[in-house]
C-alpha atoms as a PDB file:
ATOM      1  CA  MET A   1       1.965 -16.371 -17.877  1.00  0.00           C
ATOM      2  CA  ALA A   2       2.138 -13.751 -15.178  1.00  0.00           C
ATOM      3  CA  ASN A   3       1.506 -16.476 -12.571  1.00  0.00           C
ATOM      4  CA  THR A   4       4.311 -18.646 -13.725  1.00  0.00           C
ATOM      5  CA  ILE A   5       6.578 -15.849 -13.880  1.00  0.00           C
ATOM      6  CA  THR A   6       5.249 -14.971 -10.072  1.00  0.00           C
ATOM      7  CA  PHE A   7       5.696 -18.331  -8.871  1.00  0.00           C
ATOM      8  CA  ILE A   8       9.170 -18.758 -10.333  1.00  0.00           C
ATOM      9  CA  SER A   9      10.239 -15.372  -9.039  1.00  0.00           C
ATOM     10  CA  CYS A  10       8.933 -15.934  -5.459  1.00  0.00           C
ATOM     11  CA  GLY A  11      10.655 -19.389  -5.318  1.00  0.00           C
ATOM     12  CA  VAL A  12      13.838 -18.118  -6.487  1.00  0.00           C
ATOM     13  CA  LEU A  13      13.807 -15.072  -3.973  1.00  0.00           C
ATOM     14  CA  THR A  14      12.808 -17.778  -1.083  1.00  0.00           C
ATOM     15  CA  LEU A  15      15.793 -19.722  -1.925  1.00  0.00           C
ATOM     16  CA  LEU A  16      18.072 -16.862  -1.897  1.00  0.00           C
ATOM     17  CA  LEU A  17      16.815 -15.856   1.562  1.00  0.00           C
ATOM     18  CA  LEU A  18      17.326 -19.352   2.636  1.00  0.00           C
ATOM     19  CA  ILE A  19      20.762 -19.492   1.427  1.00  0.00           C
ATOM     20  CA  ALA A  20      21.631 -16.153   3.117  1.00  0.00           C
ATOM     21  CA  ILE A  21      20.407 -17.584   6.346  1.00  0.00           C
ATOM     22  CA  MET A  22      22.728 -20.508   5.977  1.00  0.00           C
ATOM     23  CA  PHE A  23      25.636 -18.674   5.185  1.00  0.00           C
ATOM     24  CA  ALA A  24      25.205 -15.654   7.427  1.00  0.00           C
ATOM     25  CA  GLY A  25      23.963 -17.365  10.651  1.00  0.00           C
ATOM     26  CA  SER A  26      20.860 -17.497  12.632  1.00  0.00           C
ATOM     27  CA  HIS A  27      20.894 -13.722  13.366  1.00  0.00           C
ATOM     28  CA  LEU A  28      19.197 -13.166  10.308  1.00  0.00           C
ATOM     29  CA  LEU A  29      16.556 -15.846  10.695  1.00  0.00           C
ATOM     30  CA  LEU A  30      13.596 -13.447  11.913  1.00  0.00           C
ATOM     31  CA  PRO A  31      14.079 -10.751   9.375  1.00  0.00           C
ATOM     32  CA  ALA A  32      14.659 -13.428   6.395  1.00  0.00           C
ATOM     33  CA  ILE A  33      11.366 -15.233   7.576  1.00  0.00           C
ATOM     34  CA  PHE A  34       9.463 -12.003   7.663  1.00  0.00           C
ATOM     35  CA  MET A  35      10.809 -11.122   4.107  1.00  0.00           C
ATOM     36  CA  ILE A  36       9.969 -14.639   2.798  1.00  0.00           C
ATOM     37  CA  VAL A  37       6.453 -14.345   4.344  1.00  0.00           C
ATOM     38  CA  THR A  38       6.009 -10.966   2.637  1.00  0.00           C
ATOM     39  CA  ILE A  39       7.360 -12.319  -0.872  1.00  0.00           C
ATOM     40  CA  LEU A  40       4.910 -15.274  -0.801  1.00  0.00           C
ATOM     41  CA  VAL A  41       1.896 -12.997   0.381  1.00  0.00           C
ATOM     42  CA  GLY A  42       2.766 -10.682  -2.401  1.00  0.00           C
ATOM     43  CA  GLY A  43       2.977 -13.347  -4.887  1.00  0.00           C
ATOM     44  CA  TYR A  44      -0.538 -14.500  -3.875  1.00  0.00           C
ATOM     45  CA  CYS A  45      -1.959 -11.208  -4.158  1.00  0.00           C
ATOM     46  CA  ILE A  46      -0.461 -11.105  -7.586  1.00  0.00           C
ATOM     47  CA  TYR A  47      -1.886 -14.348  -8.464  1.00  0.00           C
ATOM     48  CA  ILE A  48      -5.572 -13.436  -7.169  1.00  0.00           C
ATOM     49  CA  ALA A  49      -5.312 -10.009  -8.960  1.00  0.00           C
ATOM     50  CA  ASP A  50      -4.477 -11.695 -12.224  1.00  0.00           C
ATOM     51  CA  GLY A  51      -7.541 -14.010 -11.917  1.00  0.00           C
ATOM     52  CA  MET A  52      -9.818 -11.132 -11.103  1.00  0.00           C
ATOM     53  CA  ILE A  53      -8.523  -9.428 -14.434  1.00  0.00           C
ATOM     54  CA  LYS A  54      -9.105 -12.611 -16.588  1.00  0.00           C
ATOM     55  CA  GLN A  55     -12.568 -13.029 -15.055  1.00  0.00           C
ATOM     56  CA  ARG A  56     -13.365  -9.362 -15.827  1.00  0.00           C
ATOM     57  CA  ALA A  57     -12.139  -9.503 -19.287  1.00  0.00           C
ATOM     58  CA  GLU A  58     -14.358 -12.719 -19.779  1.00  0.00           C
ATOM     59  CA  ILE A  59     -17.397 -10.981 -18.216  1.00  0.00           C
ATOM     60  CA  MET A  60     -16.927  -8.007 -20.361  1.00  0.00           C
ATOM     61  CA  LYS A  61     -16.661 -10.075 -23.322  1.00  0.00           C
ATOM     62  CA  LYS A  62     -20.032 -12.071 -22.542  1.00  0.00           C
ATOM     63  CA  TRP A  63     -21.628  -8.647 -21.881  1.00  0.00           C
ATOM     64  CA  GLU A  64     -20.722  -7.113 -25.289  1.00  0.00           C
ATOM     65  CA  ASP A  65     -22.071 -10.053 -27.291  1.00  0.00           C
END
């Protein structure tokens, strides 16, 4: 569930920044691109961390049995 929420929120924020570029003009292009990249990298980090937590839980469960 966390991955779905992360992907949706990253997509929405990216669209909002692209809309801001369209309406405000090209002088926001570079900062908005950096913000978009930061959002996407953060979402990828959350995706990886969620996978690591799930794997750890599975390993701990197998270890206890």
